[in-house]
Amino acid sequence: MSKDPAFLFYSKDYYEGTRMMLPEERACYVDLLVYQHQNGIIPFDTKRVLMYCNGVDKATLEATLKAKFEKTPNGWENLRLKEEILSRVNYKSGQSDSGKLGQFWKKAKNSYKNRNMTT
């Protein structure tokens, strides 16, 4: 299965949750959300992460991480985004299962029709 190219973005929650952040902190926050979505946990190596949050200084990066991300044993993680990713995985899995079940019944119905026509 390929990597999911999207996650739900709740503009009201973002707006309300970032009003007290400086513009460069908000930009860094979005960059970090994208990084987490595409790569998983954000590493502790701030020098490397600064390359991803282009144009901000180390203090801005650290302030953003502390404000919006949880420190885990493996790196930084936004728990809300983690929930959204898991929710989308579960939804897509359910949709896939429903599609497979629907195809099964469709094929069974067609097979039954074809069998009745030949007898």
PDB file of N, CA and C in Angstrom:
ATOM      1  N   MET A   1       0.843  -1.177   0.000  1.00  0.00           N
ATOM      2  CA  MET A   1       0.000   0.000   0.000  1.00  0.00           C
ATOM      3  C   MET A   1       0.891   1.244   0.000  1.00  0.00           C
ATOM      4  N   SER A   2       0.571   2.217  -0.824  1.00  0.00           N
ATOM      5  CA  SER A   2       1.397   3.419  -0.919  1.00  0.00           C
ATOM      6  C   SER A   2       1.110   4.381   0.235  1.00  0.00           C
ATOM      7  N   LYS A   3       2.035   5.304   0.414  1.00  0.00           N
ATOM      8  CA  LYS A   3       1.930   6.309   1.477  1.00  0.00           C
ATOM      9  C   LYS A   3       0.735   7.212   1.219  1.00  0.00           C
ATOM     10  N   ASP A   4      -0.023   7.482   2.259  1.00  0.00           N
ATOM     11  CA  ASP A   4      -1.180   8.362   2.158  1.00  0.00           C
ATOM     12  C   ASP A   4      -0.710   9.786   1.856  1.00  0.00           C
ATOM     13  N   PRO A   5      -1.205  10.409   0.796  1.00  0.00           N
ATOM     14  CA  PRO A   5      -0.706  11.729   0.404  1.00  0.00           C
ATOM     15  C   PRO A   5      -1.353  12.901   1.149  1.00  0.00           C
ATOM     16  N   ALA A   6      -2.293  12.631   2.046  1.00  0.00           N
ATOM     17  CA  ALA A   6      -3.026  13.745   2.654  1.00  0.00           C
ATOM     18  C   ALA A   6      -3.399  13.438   4.099  1.00  0.00           C
ATOM     19  N   PHE A   7      -3.682  14.500   4.834  1.00  0.00           N
ATOM     20  CA  PHE A   7      -4.277  14.375   6.158  1.00  0.00           C
ATOM     21  C   PHE A   7      -5.283  15.502   6.317  1.00  0.00           C
ATOM     22  N   LEU A   8      -6.272  15.302   7.180  1.00  0.00           N
ATOM     23  CA  LEU A   8      -7.290  16.317   7.384  1.00  0.00           C
ATOM     24  C   LEU A   8      -6.687  17.512   8.120  1.00  0.00           C
ATOM     25  N   PHE A   9      -7.025  18.692   7.650  1.00  0.00           N
ATOM     26  CA  PHE A   9      -6.529  19.930   8.243  1.00  0.00           C
ATOM     27  C   PHE A   9      -7.745  20.731   8.673  1.00  0.00           C
ATOM     28  N   TYR A  10      -7.889  20.930   9.973  1.00  0.00           N
ATOM     29  CA  TYR A  10      -9.037  21.642  10.509  1.00  0.00           C
ATOM     30  C   TYR A  10      -8.671  23.111  10.681  1.00  0.00           C
ATOM     31  N   SER A  11      -9.131  23.938   9.756  1.00  0.00           N
ATOM     32  CA  SER A  11      -8.710  25.337   9.732  1.00  0.00           C
ATOM     33  C   SER A  11      -9.104  26.095  11.002  1.00  0.00           C
ATOM     34  N   LYS A  12     -10.277  25.808  11.551  1.00  0.00           N
ATOM     35  CA  LYS A  12     -10.710  26.502  12.774  1.00  0.00           C
ATOM     36  C   LYS A  12      -9.781  26.168  13.942  1.00  0.00           C
ATOM     37  N   ASP A  13      -9.449  24.892  14.082  1.00  0.00           N
ATOM     38  CA  ASP A  13      -8.546  24.476  15.158  1.00  0.00           C
ATOM     39  C   ASP A  13      -7.159  25.090  14.964  1.00  0.00           C
ATOM     40  N   TYR A  14      -6.693  25.097  13.722  1.00  0.00           N
ATOM     41  CA  TYR A  14      -5.379  25.690  13.435  1.00  0.00           C
ATOM     42  C   TYR A  14      -5.396  27.176  13.763  1.00  0.00           C
ATOM     43  N   TYR A  15      -6.415  27.861  13.301  1.00  0.00           N
ATOM     44  CA  TYR A  15      -6.521  29.303  13.532  1.00  0.00           C
ATOM     45  C   TYR A  15      -6.540  29.623  15.031  1.00  0.00           C
ATOM     46  N   GLU A  16      -7.383  28.913  15.760  1.00  0.00           N
ATOM     47  CA  GLU A  16      -7.503  29.165  17.191  1.00  0.00           C
ATOM     48  C   GLU A  16      -6.257  28.729  17.964  1.00  0.00           C
ATOM     49  N   GLY A  17      -5.604  27.681  17.497  1.00  0.00           N
ATOM     50  CA  GLY A  17      -4.455  27.154  18.211  1.00  0.00           C
ATOM     51  C   GLY A  17      -3.141  27.850  17.916  1.00  0.00           C
ATOM     52  N   THR A  18      -3.145  28.739  16.921  1.00  0.00           N
ATOM     53  CA  THR A  18      -1.879  29.392  16.545  1.00  0.00           C
ATOM     54  C   THR A  18      -1.932  30.911  16.643  1.00  0.00           C
ATOM     55  N   ARG A  19      -2.991  31.466  17.173  1.00  0.00           N
ATOM     56  CA  ARG A  19      -3.133  32.929  17.225  1.00  0.00           C
ATOM     57  C   ARG A  19      -2.041  33.615  18.026  1.00  0.00           C
ATOM     58  N   MET A  20      -1.508  32.964  19.026  1.00  0.00           N
ATOM     59  CA  MET A  20      -0.482  33.582  19.862  1.00  0.00           C
ATOM     60  C   MET A  20       0.932  33.247  19.379  1.00  0.00           C
ATOM     61  N   MET A  21       1.024  32.599  18.228  1.00  0.00           N
ATOM     62  CA  MET A  21       2.341  32.266  17.674  1.00  0.00           C
ATOM     63  C   MET A  21       2.765  33.348  16.688  1.00  0.00           C
ATOM     64  N   LEU A  22       4.056  33.568  16.608  1.00  0.00           N
ATOM     65  CA  LEU A  22       4.597  34.478  15.608  1.00  0.00           C
ATOM     66  C   LEU A  22       4.453  33.851  14.226  1.00  0.00           C
ATOM     67  N   PRO A  23       4.415  34.657  13.161  1.00  0.00           N
ATOM     68  CA  PRO A  23       4.257  34.093  11.816  1.00  0.00           C
ATOM     69  C   PRO A  23       5.306  33.034  11.478  1.00  0.00           C
ATOM     70  N   GLU A  24       6.561  33.259  11.870  1.00  0.00           N
ATOM     71  CA  GLU A  24       7.590  32.264  11.563  1.00  0.00           C
ATOM     72  C   GLU A  24       7.391  30.976  12.366  1.00  0.00           C
ATOM     73  N   GLU A  25       6.792  31.081  13.564  1.00  0.00           N
ATOM     74  CA  GLU A  25       6.475  29.879  14.339  1.00  0.00           C
ATOM     75  C   GLU A  25       5.344  29.098  13.675  1.00  0.00           C
ATOM     76  N   ARG A  26       4.349  29.811  13.160  1.00  0.00           N
ATOM     77  CA  ARG A  26       3.238  29.142  12.450  1.00  0.00           C
ATOM     78  C   ARG A  26       3.742  28.437  11.201  1.00  0.00           C
ATOM     79  N   ALA A  27       4.620  29.089  10.457  1.00  0.00           N
ATOM     80  CA  ALA A  27       5.180  28.469   9.251  1.00  0.00           C
ATOM     81  C   ALA A  27       5.980  27.218   9.615  1.00  0.00           C
ATOM     82  N   CYS A  28       6.766  27.327  10.665  1.00  0.00           N
ATOM     83  CA  CYS A  28       7.555  26.186  11.132  1.00  0.00           C
ATOM     84  C   CYS A  28       6.630  25.054  11.584  1.00  0.00           C
ATOM     85  N   TYR A  29       5.552  25.399  12.255  1.00  0.00           N
ATOM     86  CA  TYR A  29       4.583  24.415  12.728  1.00  0.00           C
ATOM     87  C   TYR A  29       4.004  23.615  11.562  1.00  0.00           C
ATOM     88  N   VAL A  30       3.604  24.286  10.510  1.00  0.00           N
ATOM     89  CA  VAL A  30       3.053  23.590   9.342  1.00  0.00           C
ATOM     90  C   VAL A  30       4.122  22.710   8.702  1.00  0.00           C
ATOM     91  N   ASP A  31       5.338  23.229   8.572  1.00  0.00           N
ATOM     92  CA  ASP A  31       6.434  22.424   8.014  1.00  0.00           C
ATOM     93  C   ASP A  31       6.657  21.160   8.842  1.00  0.00           C
ATOM     94  N   LEU A  32       6.594  21.293  10.158  1.00  0.00           N
ATOM     95  CA  LEU A  32       6.805  20.141  11.033  1.00  0.00           C
ATOM     96  C   LEU A  32       5.655  19.136  10.938  1.00  0.00           C
ATOM     97  N   LEU A  33       4.439  19.623  10.780  1.00  0.00           N
ATOM     98  CA  LEU A  33       3.310  18.712  10.585  1.00  0.00           C
ATOM     99  C   LEU A  33       3.487  17.904   9.303  1.00  0.00           C
ATOM    100  N   VAL A  34       3.901  18.575   8.246  1.00  0.00           N
ATOM    101  CA  VAL A  34       4.134  17.887   6.975  1.00  0.00           C
ATOM    102  C   VAL A  34       5.267  16.871   7.131  1.00  0.00           C
ATOM    103  N   TYR A  35       6.335  17.269   7.817  1.00  0.00           N
ATOM    104  CA  TYR A  35       7.455  16.356   8.047  1.00  0.00           C
ATOM    105  C   TYR A  35       6.975  15.102   8.777  1.00  0.00           C
ATOM    106  N   GLN A  36       6.214  15.299   9.858  1.00  0.00           N
ATOM    107  CA  GLN A  36       5.725  14.151  10.624  1.00  0.00           C
ATOM    108  C   GLN A  36       4.838  13.266   9.761  1.00  0.00           C
ATOM    109  N   HIS A  37       3.973  13.853   8.984  1.00  0.00           N
ATOM    110  CA  HIS A  37       3.076  13.061   8.148  1.00  0.00           C
ATOM    111  C   HIS A  37       3.843  12.231   7.131  1.00  0.00           C
ATOM    112  N   GLN A  38       4.863  12.812   6.545  1.00  0.00           N
ATOM    113  CA  GLN A  38       5.611  12.122   5.500  1.00  0.00           C
ATOM    114  C   GLN A  38       6.697  11.188   6.029  1.00  0.00           C
ATOM    115  N   ASN A  39       7.269  11.495   7.195  1.00  0.00           N
ATOM    116  CA  ASN A  39       8.434  10.751   7.672  1.00  0.00           C
ATOM    117  C   ASN A  39       8.266  10.082   9.027  1.00  0.00           C
ATOM    118  N   GLY A  40       7.189  10.347   9.705  1.00  0.00           N
ATOM    119  CA  GLY A  40       7.017   9.790  11.040  1.00  0.00           C
ATOM    120  C   GLY A  40       7.510  10.766  12.096  1.00  0.00           C
ATOM    121  N   ILE A  41       8.070  10.255  13.132  1.00  0.00           N
ATOM    122  CA  ILE A  41       8.513  11.071  14.262  1.00  0.00           C
ATOM    123  C   ILE A  41       9.611  12.048  13.832  1.00  0.00           C
ATOM    124  N   ILE A  42       9.538  13.256  14.383  1.00  0.00           N
ATOM    125  CA  ILE A  42      10.534  14.297  14.101  1.00  0.00           C
ATOM    126  C   ILE A  42      11.762  14.026  14.967  1.00  0.00           C
ATOM    127  N   PRO A  43      12.931  13.926  14.366  1.00  0.00           N
ATOM    128  CA  PRO A  43      14.126  13.580  15.150  1.00  0.00           C
ATOM    129  C   PRO A  43      14.552  14.685  16.106  1.00  0.00           C
ATOM    130  N   PHE A  44      15.359  14.321  17.089  1.00  0.00           N
ATOM    131  CA  PHE A  44      15.889  15.278  18.057  1.00  0.00           C
ATOM    132  C   PHE A  44      16.972  16.172  17.449  1.00  0.00           C
ATOM    133  N   ASP A  45      17.562  15.758  16.355  1.00  0.00           N
ATOM    134  CA  ASP A  45      18.662  16.488  15.720  1.00  0.00           C
ATOM    135  C   ASP A  45      18.147  17.814  15.154  1.00  0.00           C
ATOM    136  N   THR A  46      18.184  18.871  15.969  1.00  0.00           N
ATOM    137  CA  THR A  46      17.622  20.161  15.557  1.00  0.00           C
ATOM    138  C   THR A  46      18.340  20.748  14.341  1.00  0.00           C
ATOM    139  N   LYS A  47      19.609  20.461  14.201  1.00  0.00           N
ATOM    140  CA  LYS A  47      20.355  20.966  13.046  1.00  0.00           C
ATOM    141  C   LYS A  47      19.748  20.420  11.744  1.00  0.00           C
ATOM    142  N   ARG A  48      19.411  19.154  11.749  1.00  0.00           N
ATOM    143  CA  ARG A  48      18.815  18.519  10.569  1.00  0.00           C
ATOM    144  C   ARG A  48      17.377  19.017  10.352  1.00  0.00           C
ATOM    145  N   VAL A  49      16.623  19.147  11.428  1.00  0.00           N
ATOM    146  CA  VAL A  49      15.236  19.599  11.320  1.00  0.00           C
ATOM    147  C   VAL A  49      15.184  21.057  10.863  1.00  0.00           C
ATOM    148  N   LEU A  50      16.169  21.844  11.237  1.00  0.00           N
ATOM    149  CA  LEU A  50      16.225  23.241  10.786  1.00  0.00           C
ATOM    150  C   LEU A  50      16.304  23.333   9.262  1.00  0.00           C
ATOM    151  N   MET A  51      16.901  22.338   8.627  1.00  0.00           N
ATOM    152  CA  MET A  51      16.941  22.329   7.159  1.00  0.00           C
ATOM    153  C   MET A  51      15.530  22.185   6.589  1.00  0.00           C
ATOM    154  N   TYR A  52      14.672  21.485   7.313  1.00  0.00           N
ATOM    155  CA  TYR A  52      13.297  21.292   6.862  1.00  0.00           C
ATOM    156  C   TYR A  52      12.456  22.536   7.115  1.00  0.00           C
ATOM    157  N   CYS A  53      12.686  23.178   8.256  1.00  0.00           N
ATOM    158  CA  CYS A  53      12.002  24.434   8.581  1.00  0.00           C
ATOM    159  C   CYS A  53      12.879  25.583   8.091  1.00  0.00           C
ATOM    160  N   ASN A  54      12.951  25.726   6.830  1.00  0.00           N
ATOM    161  CA  ASN A  54      13.831  26.705   6.206  1.00  0.00           C
ATOM    162  C   ASN A  54      13.472  28.130   6.619  1.00  0.00           C
ATOM    163  N   GLY A  55      14.485  28.898   7.005  1.00  0.00           N
ATOM    164  CA  GLY A  55      14.274  30.306   7.287  1.00  0.00           C
ATOM    165  C   GLY A  55      13.984  30.660   8.727  1.00  0.00           C
ATOM    166  N   VAL A  56      14.005  29.691   9.628  1.00  0.00           N
ATOM    167  CA  VAL A  56      13.793  30.014  11.039  1.00  0.00           C
ATOM    168  C   VAL A  56      15.060  29.701  11.822  1.00  0.00           C
ATOM    169  N   ASP A  57      15.211  30.347  12.958  1.00  0.00           N
ATOM    170  CA  ASP A  57      16.385  30.084  13.778  1.00  0.00           C
ATOM    171  C   ASP A  57      16.092  28.946  14.758  1.00  0.00           C
ATOM    172  N   LYS A  58      17.136  28.500  15.433  1.00  0.00           N
ATOM    173  CA  LYS A  58      17.024  27.370  16.348  1.00  0.00           C
ATOM    174  C   LYS A  58      16.039  27.654  17.484  1.00  0.00           C
ATOM    175  N   ALA A  59      16.039  28.879  17.993  1.00  0.00           N
ATOM    176  CA  ALA A  59      15.128  29.232  19.094  1.00  0.00           C
ATOM    177  C   ALA A  59      13.667  29.126  18.666  1.00  0.00           C
ATOM    178  N   THR A  60      13.361  29.550  17.448  1.00  0.00           N
ATOM    179  CA  THR A  60      11.987  29.456  16.928  1.00  0.00           C
ATOM    180  C   THR A  60      11.578  28.004  16.769  1.00  0.00           C
ATOM    181  N   LEU A  61      12.473  27.197  16.238  1.00  0.00           N
ATOM    182  CA  LEU A  61      12.193  25.768  16.081  1.00  0.00           C
ATOM    183  C   LEU A  61      11.921  25.131  17.442  1.00  0.00           C
ATOM    184  N   GLU A  62      12.772  25.389  18.400  1.00  0.00           N
ATOM    185  CA  GLU A  62      12.605  24.788  19.725  1.00  0.00           C
ATOM    186  C   GLU A  62      11.322  25.264  20.400  1.00  0.00           C
ATOM    187  N   ALA A  63      10.983  26.541  20.243  1.00  0.00           N
ATOM    188  CA  ALA A  63       9.739  27.066  20.821  1.00  0.00           C
ATOM    189  C   ALA A  63       8.524  26.391  20.198  1.00  0.00           C
ATOM    190  N   THR A  64       8.569  26.185  18.898  1.00  0.00           N
ATOM    191  CA  THR A  64       7.459  25.541  18.190  1.00  0.00           C
ATOM    192  C   THR A  64       7.321  24.092  18.610  1.00  0.00           C
ATOM    193  N   LEU A  65       8.437  23.394  18.697  1.00  0.00           N
ATOM    194  CA  LEU A  65       8.393  21.994  19.127  1.00  0.00           C
ATOM    195  C   LEU A  65       7.820  21.873  20.535  1.00  0.00           C
ATOM    196  N   LYS A  66       8.265  22.718  21.435  1.00  0.00           N
ATOM    197  CA  LYS A  66       7.799  22.650  22.821  1.00  0.00           C
ATOM    198  C   LYS A  66       6.321  23.026  22.945  1.00  0.00           C
ATOM    199  N   ALA A  67       5.858  23.937  22.085  1.00  0.00           N
ATOM    200  CA  ALA A  67       4.469  24.397  22.172  1.00  0.00           C
ATOM    201  C   ALA A  67       3.473  23.402  21.578  1.00  0.00           C
ATOM    202  N   LYS A  68       3.857  22.729  20.493  1.00  0.00           N
ATOM    203  CA  LYS A  68       2.877  21.952  19.736  1.00  0.00           C
ATOM    204  C   LYS A  68       3.176  20.463  19.592  1.00  0.00           C
ATOM    205  N   PHE A  69       4.303  20.010  20.112  1.00  0.00           N
ATOM    206  CA  PHE A  69       4.699  18.613  19.940  1.00  0.00           C
ATOM    207  C   PHE A  69       5.078  18.007  21.281  1.00  0.00           C
ATOM    208  N   GLU A  70       4.896  16.706  21.384  1.00  0.00           N
ATOM    209  CA  GLU A  70       5.267  15.968  22.588  1.00  0.00           C
ATOM    210  C   GLU A  70       6.625  15.309  22.352  1.00  0.00           C
ATOM    211  N   LYS A  71       7.443  15.341  23.375  1.00  0.00           N
ATOM    212  CA  LYS A  71       8.743  14.690  23.309  1.00  0.00           C
ATOM    213  C   LYS A  71       8.548  13.222  23.677  1.00  0.00           C
ATOM    214  N   THR A  72       8.907  12.328  22.780  1.00  0.00           N
ATOM    215  CA  THR A  72       8.809  10.889  23.016  1.00  0.00           C
ATOM    216  C   THR A  72      10.226  10.328  23.093  1.00  0.00           C
ATOM    217  N   PRO A  73      10.387   9.086  23.463  1.00  0.00           N
ATOM    218  CA  PRO A  73      11.735   8.514  23.511  1.00  0.00           C
ATOM    219  C   PRO A  73      12.448   8.528  22.153  1.00  0.00           C
ATOM    220  N   ASN A  74      11.688   8.547  21.061  1.00  0.00           N
ATOM    221  CA  ASN A  74      12.287   8.481  19.727  1.00  0.00           C
ATOM    222  C   ASN A  74      12.374   9.822  19.009  1.00  0.00           C
ATOM    223  N   GLY A  75      11.703  10.828  19.494  1.00  0.00           N
ATOM    224  CA  GLY A  75      11.700  12.131  18.836  1.00  0.00           C
ATOM    225  C   GLY A  75      10.452  12.915  19.212  1.00  0.00           C
ATOM    226  N   TRP A  76      10.128  13.920  18.411  1.00  0.00           N
ATOM    227  CA  TRP A  76       8.967  14.791  18.643  1.00  0.00           C
ATOM    228  C   TRP A  76       7.779  14.307  17.828  1.00  0.00           C
ATOM    229  N   GLU A  77       6.579  14.501  18.397  1.00  0.00           N
ATOM    230  CA  GLU A  77       5.379  14.019  17.731  1.00  0.00           C
ATOM    231  C   GLU A  77       4.185  14.888  18.116  1.00  0.00           C
ATOM    232  N   ASN A  78       3.402  15.293  17.115  1.00  0.00           N
ATOM    233  CA  ASN A  78       2.162  16.008  17.369  1.00  0.00           C
ATOM    234  C   ASN A  78       1.076  14.949  17.542  1.00  0.00           C
ATOM    235  N   LEU A  79       0.504  14.883  18.735  1.00  0.00           N
ATOM    236  CA  LEU A  79      -0.444  13.809  19.045  1.00  0.00           C
ATOM    237  C   LEU A  79      -1.744  13.937  18.263  1.00  0.00           C
ATOM    238  N   ARG A  80      -2.181  15.157  18.010  1.00  0.00           N
ATOM    239  CA  ARG A  80      -3.420  15.348  17.227  1.00  0.00           C
ATOM    240  C   ARG A  80      -3.229  14.821  15.803  1.00  0.00           C
ATOM    241  N   LEU A  81      -2.086  15.136  15.198  1.00  0.00           N
ATOM    242  CA  LEU A  81      -1.817  14.638  13.847  1.00  0.00           C
ATOM    243  C   LEU A  81      -1.714  13.121  13.854  1.00  0.00           C
ATOM    244  N   LYS A  82      -1.100  12.569  14.873  1.00  0.00           N
ATOM    245  CA  LYS A  82      -0.989  11.109  14.975  1.00  0.00           C
ATOM    246  C   LYS A  82      -2.376  10.469  14.998  1.00  0.00           C
ATOM    247  N   GLU A  83      -3.298  11.062  15.765  1.00  0.00           N
ATOM    248  CA  GLU A  83      -4.678  10.559  15.809  1.00  0.00           C
ATOM    249  C   GLU A  83      -5.351  10.652  14.446  1.00  0.00           C
ATOM    250  N   GLU A  84      -5.145  11.772  13.750  1.00  0.00           N
ATOM    251  CA  GLU A  84      -5.751  11.951  12.429  1.00  0.00           C
ATOM    252  C   GLU A  84      -5.210  10.935  11.424  1.00  0.00           C
ATOM    253  N   ILE A  85      -3.922  10.679  11.489  1.00  0.00           N
ATOM    254  CA  ILE A  85      -3.313   9.696  10.580  1.00  0.00           C
ATOM    255  C   ILE A  85      -3.896   8.314  10.852  1.00  0.00           C
ATOM    256  N   LEU A  86      -3.973   7.923  12.117  1.00  0.00           N
ATOM    257  CA  LEU A  86      -4.529   6.619  12.469  1.00  0.00           C
ATOM    258  C   LEU A  86      -6.006   6.528  12.088  1.00  0.00           C
ATOM    259  N   SER A  87      -6.738   7.603  12.294  1.00  0.00           N
ATOM    260  CA  SER A  87      -8.146   7.625  11.933  1.00  0.00           C
ATOM    261  C   SER A  87      -8.327   7.415  10.429  1.00  0.00           C
ATOM    262  N   ARG A  88      -7.487   8.075   9.652  1.00  0.00           N
ATOM    263  CA  ARG A  88      -7.571   7.940   8.186  1.00  0.00           C
ATOM    264  C   ARG A  88      -7.184   6.526   7.736  1.00  0.00           C
ATOM    265  N   VAL A  89      -6.179   5.945   8.377  1.00  0.00           N
ATOM    266  CA  VAL A  89      -5.785   4.571   8.055  1.00  0.00           C
ATOM    267  C   VAL A  89      -6.953   3.625   8.330  1.00  0.00           C
ATOM    268  N   ASN A  90      -7.591   3.792   9.483  1.00  0.00           N
ATOM    269  CA  ASN A  90      -8.728   2.936   9.833  1.00  0.00           C
ATOM    270  C   ASN A  90      -9.896   3.138   8.877  1.00  0.00           C
ATOM    271  N   TYR A  91     -10.161   4.382   8.507  1.00  0.00           N
ATOM    272  CA  TYR A  91     -11.250   4.678   7.579  1.00  0.00           C
ATOM    273  C   TYR A  91     -10.987   4.029   6.221  1.00  0.00           C
ATOM    274  N   LYS A  92      -9.772   4.207   5.713  1.00  0.00           N
ATOM    275  CA  LYS A  92      -9.434   3.639   4.407  1.00  0.00           C
ATOM    276  C   LYS A  92      -9.504   2.116   4.431  1.00  0.00           C
ATOM    277  N   SER A  93      -9.090   1.526   5.534  1.00  0.00           N
ATOM    278  CA  SER A  93      -9.152   0.076   5.667  1.00  0.00           C
ATOM    279  C   SER A  93     -10.611  -0.392   5.647  1.00  0.00           C
ATOM    280  N   GLY A  94     -11.463   0.323   6.358  1.00  0.00           N
ATOM    281  CA  GLY A  94     -12.892  -0.010   6.364  1.00  0.00           C
ATOM    282  C   GLY A  94     -13.509   0.138   4.991  1.00  0.00           C
ATOM    283  N   GLN A  95     -13.133   1.188   4.277  1.00  0.00           N
ATOM    284  CA  GLN A  95     -13.644   1.390   2.922  1.00  0.00           C
ATOM    285  C   GLN A  95     -13.186   0.256   2.001  1.00  0.00           C
ATOM    286  N   SER A  96     -11.939  -0.148   2.160  1.00  0.00           N
ATOM    287  CA  SER A  96     -11.401  -1.240   1.353  1.00  0.00           C
ATOM    288  C   SER A  96     -12.149  -2.534   1.638  1.00  0.00           C
ATOM    289  N   ASP A  97     -12.381  -2.816   2.912  1.00  0.00           N
ATOM    290  CA  ASP A  97     -13.123  -4.024   3.286  1.00  0.00           C
ATOM    291  C   ASP A  97     -14.538  -3.991   2.722  1.00  0.00           C
ATOM    292  N   SER A  98     -15.181  -2.841   2.784  1.00  0.00           N
ATOM    293  CA  SER A  98     -16.539  -2.709   2.236  1.00  0.00           C
ATOM    294  C   SER A  98     -16.538  -2.946   0.734  1.00  0.00           C
ATOM    295  N   GLY A  99     -15.536  -2.416   0.058  1.00  0.00           N
ATOM    296  CA  GLY A  99     -15.436  -2.609  -1.386  1.00  0.00           C
ATOM    297  C   GLY A  99     -15.227  -4.065  -1.751  1.00  0.00           C
ATOM    298  N   LYS A 100     -14.387  -4.742  -0.994  1.00  0.00           N
ATOM    299  CA  LYS A 100     -14.149  -6.172  -1.256  1.00  0.00           C
ATOM    300  C   LYS A 100     -15.410  -6.986  -1.035  1.00  0.00           C
ATOM    301  N   LEU A 101     -16.130  -6.668   0.020  1.00  0.00           N
ATOM    302  CA  LEU A 101     -17.372  -7.374   0.309  1.00  0.00           C
ATOM    303  C   LEU A 101     -18.404  -7.107  -0.787  1.00  0.00           C
ATOM    304  N   GLY A 102     -18.493  -5.856  -1.212  1.00  0.00           N
ATOM    305  CA  GLY A 102     -19.424  -5.505  -2.289  1.00  0.00           C
ATOM    306  C   GLY A 102     -19.091  -6.230  -3.578  1.00  0.00           C
ATOM    307  N   GLN A 103     -17.802  -6.324  -3.902  1.00  0.00           N
ATOM    308  CA  GLN A 103     -17.380  -7.042  -5.116  1.00  0.00           C
ATOM    309  C   GLN A 103     -17.706  -8.526  -5.015  1.00  0.00           C
ATOM    310  N   PHE A 104     -17.530  -9.095  -3.827  1.00  0.00           N
ATOM    311  CA  PHE A 104     -17.863 -10.508  -3.633  1.00  0.00           C
ATOM    312  C   PHE A 104     -19.335 -10.761  -3.963  1.00  0.00           C
ATOM    313  N   TRP A 105     -20.223  -9.931  -3.393  1.00  0.00           N
ATOM    314  CA  TRP A 105     -21.650 -10.143  -3.617  1.00  0.00           C
ATOM    315  C   TRP A 105     -22.038  -9.858  -5.058  1.00  0.00           C
ATOM    316  N   LYS A 106     -21.394  -8.886  -5.681  1.00  0.00           N
ATOM    317  CA  LYS A 106     -21.678  -8.577  -7.075  1.00  0.00           C
ATOM    318  C   LYS A 106     -21.299  -9.763  -7.973  1.00  0.00           C
ATOM    319  N   LYS A 107     -20.131 -10.342  -7.725  1.00  0.00           N
ATOM    320  CA  LYS A 107     -19.690 -11.498  -8.516  1.00  0.00           C
ATOM    321  C   LYS A 107     -20.582 -12.707  -8.267  1.00  0.00           C
ATOM    322  N   ALA A 108     -20.973 -12.900  -7.003  1.00  0.00           N
ATOM    323  CA  ALA A 108     -21.845 -14.029  -6.663  1.00  0.00           C
ATOM    324  C   ALA A 108     -23.197 -13.885  -7.358  1.00  0.00           C
ATOM    325  N   LYS A 109     -23.719 -12.667  -7.376  1.00  0.00           N
ATOM    326  CA  LYS A 109     -25.010 -12.411  -8.029  1.00  0.00           C
ATOM    327  C   LYS A 109     -24.917 -12.677  -9.534  1.00  0.00           C
ATOM    328  N   ASN A 110     -23.845 -12.172 -10.158  1.00  0.00           N
ATOM    329  CA  ASN A 110     -23.660 -12.389 -11.599  1.00  0.00           C
ATOM    330  C   ASN A 110     -23.459 -13.858 -11.914  1.00  0.00           C
ATOM    331  N   SER A 111     -22.731 -14.556 -11.066  1.00  0.00           N
ATOM    332  CA  SER A 111     -22.501 -15.985 -11.269  1.00  0.00           C
ATOM    333  C   SER A 111     -23.818 -16.748 -11.168  1.00  0.00           C
ATOM    334  N   TYR A 112     -24.638 -16.381 -10.218  1.00  0.00           N
ATOM    335  CA  TYR A 112     -25.939 -17.027 -10.036  1.00  0.00           C
ATOM    336  C   TYR A 112     -26.834 -16.777 -11.249  1.00  0.00           C
ATOM    337  N   LYS A 113     -26.841 -15.516 -11.748  1.00  0.00           N
ATOM    338  CA  LYS A 113     -27.645 -15.189 -12.930  1.00  0.00           C
ATOM    339  C   LYS A 113     -27.187 -15.995 -14.135  1.00  0.00           C
ATOM    340  N   ASN A 114     -25.884 -16.054 -14.359  1.00  0.00           N
ATOM    341  CA  ASN A 114     -25.340 -16.771 -15.509  1.00  0.00           C
ATOM    342  C   ASN A 114     -25.621 -18.261 -15.405  1.00  0.00           C
ATOM    343  N   ARG A 115     -25.565 -18.821 -14.218  1.00  0.00           N
ATOM    344  CA  ARG A 115     -25.822 -20.241 -14.033  1.00  0.00           C
ATOM    345  C   ARG A 115     -27.290 -20.552 -14.320  1.00  0.00           C
ATOM    346  N   ASN A 116     -28.205 -19.693 -13.910  1.00  0.00           N
ATOM    347  CA  ASN A 116     -29.629 -19.901 -14.159  1.00  0.00           C
ATOM    348  C   ASN A 116     -29.969 -19.766 -15.626  1.00  0.00           C
ATOM    349  N   MET A 117     -29.266 -18.936 -16.370  1.00  0.00           N
ATOM    350  CA  MET A 117     -29.547 -18.743 -17.786  1.00  0.00           C
ATOM    351  C   MET A 117     -29.118 -19.955 -18.613  1.00  0.00           C
ATOM    352  N   THR A 118     -28.084 -20.663 -18.174  1.00  0.00           N
ATOM    353  CA  THR A 118     -27.584 -21.788 -18.945  1.00  0.00           C
ATOM    354  C   THR A 118     -28.303 -23.078 -18.635  1.00  0.00           C
ATOM    355  N   THR A 119     -29.119 -23.119 -17.590  1.00  0.00           N
ATOM    356  CA  THR A 119     -29.828 -24.360 -17.259  1.00  0.00           C
ATOM    357  C   THR A 119     -31.240 -24.350 -17.737  1.00  0.00           C
TER     358      THR A 119
END
